[in-house]
N, C-alpha and C. Protein backbone atom coordinates (compact mmCIF):
# COMPACT_ATOMS: atom_id res chain seq x y z
N UNK A 1 -19.33 0.53 -13.78
CA UNK A 1 -18.57 1.33 -12.84
C UNK A 1 -17.12 0.85 -12.89
N UNK A 2 -16.22 1.81 -12.85
CA UNK A 2 -14.79 1.51 -12.94
C UNK A 2 -14.09 1.74 -11.61
N UNK A 3 -12.92 1.16 -11.50
CA UNK A 3 -12.12 1.29 -10.28
C UNK A 3 -11.90 2.75 -9.91
N UNK A 4 -11.65 3.61 -10.90
CA UNK A 4 -11.42 5.03 -10.60
C UNK A 4 -12.61 5.67 -9.88
N UNK A 5 -13.81 5.10 -10.06
CA UNK A 5 -15.01 5.65 -9.44
C UNK A 5 -15.09 5.36 -7.95
N UNK A 6 -14.35 4.37 -7.48
CA UNK A 6 -14.46 4.00 -6.07
C UNK A 6 -13.14 4.12 -5.31
N UNK A 7 -12.04 4.39 -6.02
CA UNK A 7 -10.73 4.44 -5.36
C UNK A 7 -10.61 5.65 -4.45
N UNK A 8 -9.70 5.55 -3.52
CA UNK A 8 -9.42 6.64 -2.59
C UNK A 8 -8.30 7.49 -3.16
N UNK A 9 -8.54 8.79 -3.20
CA UNK A 9 -7.55 9.77 -3.63
C UNK A 9 -7.68 10.98 -2.71
N UNK A 10 -6.68 11.78 -2.55
CA UNK A 10 -5.32 11.55 -3.02
C UNK A 10 -4.68 10.41 -2.24
N UNK A 11 -3.68 9.83 -2.83
CA UNK A 11 -3.00 8.70 -2.23
C UNK A 11 -1.93 9.19 -1.26
N UNK A 12 -1.89 8.59 -0.11
CA UNK A 12 -0.81 8.84 0.84
C UNK A 12 0.20 7.73 0.62
N UNK A 13 1.41 8.10 0.25
CA UNK A 13 2.45 7.13 -0.09
C UNK A 13 3.75 7.54 0.58
N UNK A 14 4.71 6.63 0.51
CA UNK A 14 6.06 6.91 0.99
C UNK A 14 7.03 6.71 -0.16
N UNK A 15 8.20 7.28 -0.01
CA UNK A 15 9.25 7.06 -1.00
C UNK A 15 10.12 5.91 -0.53
N UNK A 16 10.89 5.36 -1.44
CA UNK A 16 11.77 4.23 -1.11
C UNK A 16 12.84 4.63 -0.09
N UNK A 17 13.14 5.92 -0.01
CA UNK A 17 14.18 6.37 0.92
C UNK A 17 13.63 6.79 2.28
N UNK A 18 12.32 6.66 2.48
CA UNK A 18 11.74 6.99 3.78
C UNK A 18 12.26 6.00 4.82
N UNK A 19 12.47 6.48 6.02
CA UNK A 19 12.94 5.60 7.10
C UNK A 19 11.79 4.75 7.61
N UNK A 20 12.16 3.68 8.32
CA UNK A 20 11.15 2.84 8.96
C UNK A 20 10.30 3.69 9.90
N UNK A 21 10.95 4.57 10.64
CA UNK A 21 10.23 5.41 11.61
C UNK A 21 9.22 6.31 10.91
N UNK A 22 9.61 6.92 9.79
CA UNK A 22 8.68 7.77 9.04
C UNK A 22 7.50 6.96 8.54
N UNK A 23 7.78 5.81 7.96
CA UNK A 23 6.71 4.97 7.41
C UNK A 23 5.78 4.49 8.52
N UNK A 24 6.35 4.09 9.63
CA UNK A 24 5.56 3.61 10.76
C UNK A 24 4.64 4.71 11.30
N UNK A 25 5.18 5.91 11.45
CA UNK A 25 4.37 7.04 11.93
C UNK A 25 3.22 7.33 10.97
N UNK A 26 3.50 7.33 9.67
CA UNK A 26 2.48 7.60 8.66
C UNK A 26 1.38 6.54 8.73
N UNK A 27 1.78 5.29 8.81
CA UNK A 27 0.79 4.20 8.83
C UNK A 27 -0.07 4.25 10.08
N UNK A 28 0.53 4.48 11.23
CA UNK A 28 -0.26 4.51 12.45
C UNK A 28 -1.14 5.77 12.52
N UNK A 29 -0.63 6.89 12.04
CA UNK A 29 -1.42 8.13 12.05
C UNK A 29 -2.70 7.99 11.22
N UNK A 30 -2.60 7.29 10.10
CA UNK A 30 -3.75 7.17 9.19
C UNK A 30 -4.50 5.85 9.32
N UNK A 31 -4.00 4.94 10.15
CA UNK A 31 -4.67 3.66 10.32
C UNK A 31 -4.50 2.72 9.14
N UNK A 32 -3.40 2.87 8.40
CA UNK A 32 -3.16 2.03 7.23
C UNK A 32 -2.42 0.76 7.63
N UNK A 33 -2.72 -0.32 6.94
CA UNK A 33 -1.95 -1.55 7.11
C UNK A 33 -0.94 -1.71 5.97
N UNK A 34 -1.17 -0.99 4.90
CA UNK A 34 -0.29 -1.05 3.72
C UNK A 34 -0.23 0.34 3.10
N UNK A 35 0.97 0.74 2.67
CA UNK A 35 1.12 1.99 1.92
C UNK A 35 1.91 1.72 0.65
N UNK A 36 1.56 2.44 -0.41
CA UNK A 36 2.34 2.31 -1.63
C UNK A 36 3.66 3.05 -1.51
N UNK A 37 4.65 2.57 -2.26
CA UNK A 37 5.96 3.20 -2.31
C UNK A 37 6.13 3.72 -3.74
N UNK A 38 6.48 5.00 -3.85
CA UNK A 38 6.58 5.64 -5.15
C UNK A 38 7.94 6.30 -5.35
N UNK A 39 8.26 6.55 -6.63
CA UNK A 39 9.46 7.32 -6.93
C UNK A 39 9.10 8.80 -6.99
N UNK A 40 10.05 9.63 -7.36
CA UNK A 40 9.83 11.08 -7.36
C UNK A 40 8.79 11.53 -8.38
N UNK A 41 8.49 10.70 -9.36
CA UNK A 41 7.48 11.03 -10.37
C UNK A 41 6.10 10.49 -10.04
N UNK A 42 6.00 9.76 -8.93
CA UNK A 42 4.72 9.17 -8.56
C UNK A 42 4.47 7.80 -9.17
N UNK A 43 5.51 7.20 -9.75
CA UNK A 43 5.38 5.85 -10.29
C UNK A 43 5.44 4.84 -9.16
N UNK A 44 4.60 3.84 -9.25
CA UNK A 44 4.54 2.80 -8.23
C UNK A 44 5.78 1.92 -8.27
N UNK A 45 6.47 1.83 -7.14
CA UNK A 45 7.66 0.98 -7.02
C UNK A 45 7.38 -0.29 -6.23
N UNK A 46 6.50 -0.18 -5.26
CA UNK A 46 6.24 -1.32 -4.40
C UNK A 46 5.18 -1.01 -3.36
N UNK A 47 5.05 -1.94 -2.43
CA UNK A 47 4.11 -1.80 -1.33
C UNK A 47 4.84 -2.10 -0.04
N UNK A 48 4.45 -1.42 1.01
CA UNK A 48 5.02 -1.64 2.33
C UNK A 48 3.87 -1.94 3.28
N UNK A 49 3.95 -3.06 3.96
CA UNK A 49 2.90 -3.41 4.91
C UNK A 49 3.45 -3.32 6.33
N UNK A 50 2.54 -3.26 7.28
CA UNK A 50 2.97 -3.27 8.67
C UNK A 50 3.71 -4.56 8.96
N UNK A 51 3.31 -5.65 8.32
CA UNK A 51 4.01 -6.93 8.49
C UNK A 51 5.46 -6.83 8.03
N UNK A 52 5.71 -6.12 6.93
CA UNK A 52 7.08 -5.95 6.44
C UNK A 52 7.95 -5.27 7.49
N UNK A 53 7.39 -4.23 8.11
CA UNK A 53 8.16 -3.51 9.14
C UNK A 53 8.39 -4.38 10.37
N UNK A 54 7.38 -5.12 10.77
CA UNK A 54 7.51 -5.97 11.96
C UNK A 54 8.51 -7.09 11.70
N UNK A 55 8.43 -7.71 10.52
CA UNK A 55 9.36 -8.79 10.19
C UNK A 55 10.81 -8.30 10.13
N UNK A 56 10.99 -7.01 9.83
CA UNK A 56 12.35 -6.47 9.75
C UNK A 56 13.01 -6.45 11.12
N UNK A 57 12.18 -6.52 12.15
CA UNK A 57 12.73 -6.67 13.49
C UNK A 57 12.77 -5.41 14.31
N UNK A 58 12.99 -5.63 15.57
CA UNK A 58 13.14 -4.55 16.54
C UNK A 58 14.60 -4.50 16.96
N UNK A 59 15.09 -3.33 17.29
CA UNK A 59 16.47 -3.25 17.76
C UNK A 59 16.69 -4.09 19.01
N UNK A 60 17.81 -4.75 19.06
CA UNK A 60 18.22 -5.52 20.24
C UNK A 60 18.78 -4.52 21.25
N UNK A 61 18.15 -4.45 22.40
CA UNK A 61 18.55 -3.46 23.41
C UNK A 61 19.99 -3.64 23.87
N UNK A 62 20.51 -4.86 23.77
CA UNK A 62 21.88 -5.12 24.22
C UNK A 62 22.93 -4.70 23.21
N UNK A 63 22.51 -4.46 21.99
CA UNK A 63 23.45 -4.13 20.91
C UNK A 63 23.39 -2.63 20.63
N UNK A 64 24.45 -1.87 20.94
CA UNK A 64 24.42 -0.42 20.74
C UNK A 64 24.30 -0.03 19.27
N UNK A 65 24.68 -0.90 18.34
CA UNK A 65 24.56 -0.59 16.92
C UNK A 65 23.21 -0.97 16.34
N UNK A 66 22.38 -1.63 17.12
CA UNK A 66 21.10 -2.12 16.60
C UNK A 66 20.20 -0.98 16.15
N UNK A 67 20.20 0.12 16.86
CA UNK A 67 19.35 1.24 16.46
C UNK A 67 19.75 1.75 15.08
N UNK A 68 21.03 1.78 14.81
CA UNK A 68 21.50 2.21 13.49
C UNK A 68 21.11 1.18 12.43
N UNK A 69 21.24 -0.10 12.77
CA UNK A 69 20.96 -1.16 11.79
C UNK A 69 19.47 -1.36 11.54
N UNK A 70 18.66 -1.24 12.60
CA UNK A 70 17.25 -1.59 12.47
C UNK A 70 16.29 -0.44 12.74
N UNK A 71 16.77 0.66 13.17
CA UNK A 71 15.88 1.74 13.58
C UNK A 71 15.70 2.83 12.55
N UNK A 72 15.97 4.04 12.98
CA UNK A 72 15.69 5.22 12.16
C UNK A 72 16.41 5.21 10.82
N UNK A 73 17.54 4.57 10.73
CA UNK A 73 18.34 4.67 9.52
C UNK A 73 18.04 3.60 8.47
N UNK A 74 17.18 2.65 8.77
CA UNK A 74 16.78 1.67 7.76
C UNK A 74 15.73 2.31 6.88
N UNK A 75 15.77 2.02 5.61
CA UNK A 75 14.84 2.66 4.67
C UNK A 75 13.86 1.64 4.10
N UNK A 76 12.74 2.17 3.67
CA UNK A 76 11.64 1.38 3.13
C UNK A 76 12.09 0.46 2.00
N UNK A 77 12.99 0.93 1.14
CA UNK A 77 13.44 0.13 0.00
C UNK A 77 14.01 -1.22 0.42
N UNK A 78 14.53 -1.30 1.65
CA UNK A 78 15.15 -2.55 2.09
C UNK A 78 14.14 -3.64 2.43
N UNK A 79 12.87 -3.29 2.61
CA UNK A 79 11.87 -4.29 2.97
C UNK A 79 10.59 -4.25 2.14
N UNK A 80 10.43 -3.26 1.28
CA UNK A 80 9.19 -3.18 0.50
C UNK A 80 9.09 -4.37 -0.45
N UNK A 81 7.87 -4.66 -0.84
CA UNK A 81 7.63 -5.73 -1.79
C UNK A 81 7.25 -5.14 -3.14
N UNK A 82 7.70 -5.80 -4.19
CA UNK A 82 7.29 -5.37 -5.52
C UNK A 82 5.78 -5.57 -5.60
N UNK A 83 5.09 -4.66 -6.26
CA UNK A 83 3.64 -4.80 -6.33
C UNK A 83 3.26 -5.95 -7.25
N UNK A 84 2.84 -7.07 -6.66
CA UNK A 84 2.43 -8.22 -7.46
C UNK A 84 1.22 -7.88 -8.31
N UNK A 85 0.35 -7.08 -7.73
CA UNK A 85 -0.88 -6.70 -8.42
C UNK A 85 -1.09 -5.21 -8.29
N UNK A 86 -1.61 -4.64 -9.31
CA UNK A 86 -2.09 -3.26 -9.28
C UNK A 86 -3.29 -3.22 -10.21
N UNK A 87 -4.25 -2.43 -9.89
CA UNK A 87 -5.45 -2.31 -10.72
C UNK A 87 -5.32 -1.10 -11.63
N UNK A 88 -5.65 -1.28 -12.88
CA UNK A 88 -5.74 -0.14 -13.78
C UNK A 88 -7.00 0.64 -13.42
N UNK A 89 -6.94 1.95 -13.53
CA UNK A 89 -8.05 2.82 -13.13
C UNK A 89 -9.33 2.54 -13.91
N UNK A 90 -9.21 2.03 -15.13
CA UNK A 90 -10.41 1.78 -15.95
C UNK A 90 -10.95 0.36 -15.82
N UNK A 91 -10.42 -0.42 -14.88
CA UNK A 91 -10.89 -1.79 -14.66
C UNK A 91 -12.30 -1.78 -14.09
N UNK A 92 -13.17 -2.63 -14.61
CA UNK A 92 -14.53 -2.76 -14.11
C UNK A 92 -14.50 -3.23 -12.66
N UNK A 93 -15.37 -2.67 -11.82
CA UNK A 93 -15.37 -2.97 -10.40
C UNK A 93 -15.64 -4.46 -10.14
N UNK A 94 -16.50 -5.09 -10.92
CA UNK A 94 -16.76 -6.52 -10.74
C UNK A 94 -15.48 -7.32 -11.00
N UNK A 95 -14.74 -6.95 -12.03
CA UNK A 95 -13.46 -7.62 -12.31
C UNK A 95 -12.46 -7.34 -11.20
N UNK A 96 -12.46 -6.12 -10.70
CA UNK A 96 -11.58 -5.75 -9.59
C UNK A 96 -11.87 -6.63 -8.38
N UNK A 97 -13.13 -6.76 -8.02
CA UNK A 97 -13.51 -7.57 -6.86
C UNK A 97 -13.06 -9.02 -7.05
N UNK A 98 -13.24 -9.55 -8.25
CA UNK A 98 -12.81 -10.92 -8.51
C UNK A 98 -11.30 -11.06 -8.39
N UNK A 99 -10.56 -10.11 -8.95
CA UNK A 99 -9.09 -10.15 -8.87
C UNK A 99 -8.62 -10.09 -7.42
N UNK A 100 -9.24 -9.21 -6.63
CA UNK A 100 -8.85 -9.08 -5.23
C UNK A 100 -9.15 -10.36 -4.47
N UNK A 101 -10.32 -10.95 -4.72
CA UNK A 101 -10.69 -12.18 -4.03
C UNK A 101 -9.76 -13.34 -4.41
N UNK A 102 -9.48 -13.46 -5.70
CA UNK A 102 -8.60 -14.54 -6.16
C UNK A 102 -7.18 -14.39 -5.61
N UNK A 103 -6.70 -13.16 -5.54
CA UNK A 103 -5.35 -12.90 -5.05
C UNK A 103 -5.28 -12.85 -3.53
N UNK A 104 -6.46 -12.83 -2.88
CA UNK A 104 -6.54 -12.75 -1.42
C UNK A 104 -5.83 -11.52 -0.87
N UNK A 105 -6.12 -10.38 -1.50
CA UNK A 105 -5.57 -9.11 -1.03
C UNK A 105 -6.72 -8.20 -0.64
N UNK A 106 -6.50 -7.41 0.38
CA UNK A 106 -7.53 -6.51 0.89
C UNK A 106 -7.39 -5.09 0.37
N UNK A 107 -6.25 -4.78 -0.23
CA UNK A 107 -6.01 -3.44 -0.76
C UNK A 107 -5.13 -3.54 -1.99
N UNK A 108 -5.39 -2.68 -2.95
CA UNK A 108 -4.59 -2.63 -4.18
C UNK A 108 -4.28 -1.20 -4.56
N UNK A 109 -3.09 -0.97 -5.06
CA UNK A 109 -2.81 0.34 -5.65
C UNK A 109 -3.53 0.43 -7.00
N UNK A 110 -3.92 1.62 -7.36
CA UNK A 110 -4.57 1.86 -8.64
C UNK A 110 -3.63 2.73 -9.47
N UNK A 111 -3.39 2.31 -10.70
CA UNK A 111 -2.44 3.01 -11.56
C UNK A 111 -3.06 3.36 -12.90
N UNK A 112 -2.49 4.38 -13.50
CA UNK A 112 -2.72 4.70 -14.91
C UNK A 112 -1.34 4.60 -15.53
N UNK A 113 -1.13 3.55 -16.32
CA UNK A 113 0.23 3.24 -16.76
C UNK A 113 0.99 2.73 -15.56
N UNK A 114 2.05 3.42 -15.17
CA UNK A 114 2.80 3.09 -13.95
C UNK A 114 2.56 4.10 -12.83
N UNK A 115 1.85 5.17 -13.14
CA UNK A 115 1.64 6.25 -12.18
C UNK A 115 0.54 5.89 -11.19
N UNK A 116 0.86 6.00 -9.91
CA UNK A 116 -0.10 5.72 -8.85
C UNK A 116 -1.14 6.83 -8.82
N UNK A 117 -2.42 6.45 -8.90
CA UNK A 117 -3.49 7.45 -8.88
C UNK A 117 -4.49 7.23 -7.76
N UNK A 118 -4.42 6.08 -7.09
CA UNK A 118 -5.37 5.82 -6.01
C UNK A 118 -5.07 4.52 -5.31
N UNK A 119 -5.85 4.25 -4.30
CA UNK A 119 -5.83 2.96 -3.59
C UNK A 119 -7.27 2.50 -3.50
N UNK A 120 -7.45 1.19 -3.54
CA UNK A 120 -8.79 0.63 -3.41
C UNK A 120 -8.73 -0.53 -2.42
N UNK A 121 -9.74 -0.62 -1.58
CA UNK A 121 -9.81 -1.66 -0.56
C UNK A 121 -11.12 -2.42 -0.70
N UNK A 122 -11.22 -3.51 0.04
CA UNK A 122 -12.50 -4.23 0.08
C UNK A 122 -13.62 -3.32 0.56
N UNK A 123 -13.31 -2.41 1.49
CA UNK A 123 -14.34 -1.49 1.98
C UNK A 123 -14.90 -0.64 0.84
N UNK A 124 -14.03 -0.21 -0.05
CA UNK A 124 -14.49 0.58 -1.21
C UNK A 124 -15.43 -0.25 -2.08
N UNK A 125 -15.10 -1.52 -2.28
CA UNK A 125 -15.93 -2.41 -3.09
C UNK A 125 -17.27 -2.65 -2.38
N UNK A 126 -17.22 -2.88 -1.08
CA UNK A 126 -18.46 -3.14 -0.33
C UNK A 126 -19.43 -1.95 -0.39
N UNK A 127 -18.88 -0.74 -0.43
CA UNK A 127 -19.74 0.45 -0.48
C UNK A 127 -20.59 0.49 -1.73
N UNK A 128 -20.12 -0.11 -2.83
CA UNK A 128 -20.87 -0.02 -4.09
C UNK A 128 -21.71 -1.26 -4.37
N UNK A 129 -21.68 -2.26 -3.50
CA UNK A 129 -22.50 -3.45 -3.73
C UNK A 129 -23.98 -3.14 -3.89
N UNK A 130 -24.58 -2.30 -3.04
CA UNK A 130 -26.01 -2.01 -3.24
C UNK A 130 -26.29 -1.37 -4.61
N UNK A 131 -25.42 -0.50 -5.07
CA UNK A 131 -25.60 0.15 -6.38
C UNK A 131 -25.46 -0.84 -7.52
N UNK A 132 -24.73 -1.93 -7.28
CA UNK A 132 -24.53 -2.93 -8.32
C UNK A 132 -25.65 -3.98 -8.31
N UNK A 133 -26.64 -3.79 -7.44
CA UNK A 133 -27.74 -4.72 -7.37
C UNK A 133 -27.41 -5.99 -6.61
N UNK A 134 -26.36 -5.93 -5.77
CA UNK A 134 -25.95 -7.11 -5.02
C UNK A 134 -26.30 -7.02 -3.54
N UNK A 135 -27.22 -6.13 -3.21
CA UNK A 135 -27.56 -5.95 -1.79
C UNK A 135 -28.45 -7.06 -1.30
């Protein structure tokens, strides 16, 4: 079984020019802790986590310019992380599980070349454990 067999598609992603507010709304609406960041062709540029947004800070209520600096006008590109890991769609699921465990990541983007084609999480891997004879 390959990663493409268990990945989630279609992928919900943001662009590097999306605002913090847009990204935050998307993540909370769908219950995501991490979203991929893509360019106009669908190539993976990075990952954005809820932690990235929180670490970027909240506007200081005493500073009238804070909303401009930290709010709606800040874009994802300013805080996204380069994707340290991405799984190729043809990667064997057992290898995928090992890579995720070793890297201590709960979600990975799935690519064909550089093009984002899916996302895979530990939940996706857990769903196929019985089929793999690991129940």
